């Protein structure tokens, strides 16, 4: 709580720093992007593995004919 000099009214001021809040925000954005990139990479690797298994299964079925 502070007293404003011009209006002589008590005002409330946040103790948080704008620079600190900005740093926390960008840290959060960076970590969210990192998690998204890791998840996307895992999806791609999993899809490749499933495609490989499907092709192998088809190849075995063709060979057995």
Protein backbone atom coordinates (compact mmCIF):
# COMPACT_ATOMS: atom_id res chain seq x y z
CA UNK A 1 0.00 0.00 0.00
CA UNK A 2 1.38 3.40 -0.99
CA UNK A 3 0.10 6.95 -0.71
CA UNK A 4 -0.16 8.74 -4.03
CA UNK A 5 1.45 12.19 -3.88
CA UNK A 6 -0.76 13.86 -6.49
CA UNK A 7 -4.19 12.57 -5.44
CA UNK A 8 -3.39 11.93 -1.75
CA UNK A 9 -5.22 8.61 -1.99
CA UNK A 10 -3.88 5.28 -0.85
CA UNK A 11 -3.08 2.98 -3.76
CA UNK A 12 -2.02 -0.63 -3.94
CA UNK A 13 1.07 -1.56 -5.90
CA UNK A 14 2.20 -5.03 -6.89
CA UNK A 15 5.51 -6.22 -5.49
CA UNK A 16 6.13 -8.35 -8.57
CA UNK A 17 8.65 -7.18 -11.10
CA UNK A 18 7.52 -6.87 -14.72
CA UNK A 19 10.91 -8.14 -15.89
CA UNK A 20 10.65 -11.20 -13.65
CA UNK A 21 7.12 -11.92 -14.86
CA UNK A 22 8.30 -11.60 -18.48
CA UNK A 23 11.20 -13.96 -17.82
CA UNK A 24 8.87 -16.51 -16.22
CA UNK A 25 6.45 -16.23 -19.14
CA UNK A 26 9.13 -16.85 -21.76
CA UNK A 27 10.57 -19.71 -19.70
CA UNK A 28 7.09 -21.27 -19.67
CA UNK A 29 6.68 -20.74 -23.42
CA UNK A 30 10.09 -22.29 -24.05
CA UNK A 31 9.35 -25.32 -21.90
CA UNK A 32 5.94 -25.77 -23.56
CA UNK A 33 7.60 -25.68 -27.00
CA UNK A 34 10.22 -28.19 -25.87
CA UNK A 35 7.56 -30.58 -24.60
CA UNK A 36 5.57 -30.16 -27.83
CA UNK A 37 8.66 -30.84 -29.95
CA UNK A 38 9.51 -33.95 -27.92
CA UNK A 39 5.94 -35.23 -28.23
CA UNK A 40 5.94 -34.61 -31.99
CA UNK A 41 9.23 -36.48 -32.36
CA UNK A 42 7.86 -39.43 -30.42
CA UNK A 43 4.75 -39.49 -32.62
CA UNK A 44 6.88 -39.54 -35.78
CA UNK A 45 9.10 -42.34 -34.44
CA UNK A 46 6.09 -44.38 -33.34
CA UNK A 47 4.39 -43.93 -36.73
CA UNK A 48 7.55 -45.07 -38.55
CA UNK A 49 7.73 -48.17 -36.36
CA UNK A 50 4.06 -49.00 -36.98
CA UNK A 51 4.50 -48.50 -40.74
CA UNK A 52 7.54 -50.76 -40.71
CA UNK A 53 5.62 -53.48 -38.86
CA UNK A 54 2.69 -53.23 -41.27
CA UNK A 55 4.98 -53.51 -44.31
CA UNK A 56 6.74 -56.50 -42.77
CA UNK A 57 3.38 -58.18 -42.13
CA UNK A 58 2.27 -57.58 -45.72
CA UNK A 59 5.61 -58.89 -47.02
CA UNK A 60 5.25 -62.10 -45.00
CA UNK A 61 1.69 -62.58 -46.25
CA UNK A 62 2.83 -62.15 -49.86
CA UNK A 63 5.72 -64.60 -49.37
CA UNK A 64 3.39 -67.26 -47.94
CA UNK A 65 1.24 -67.32 -51.07
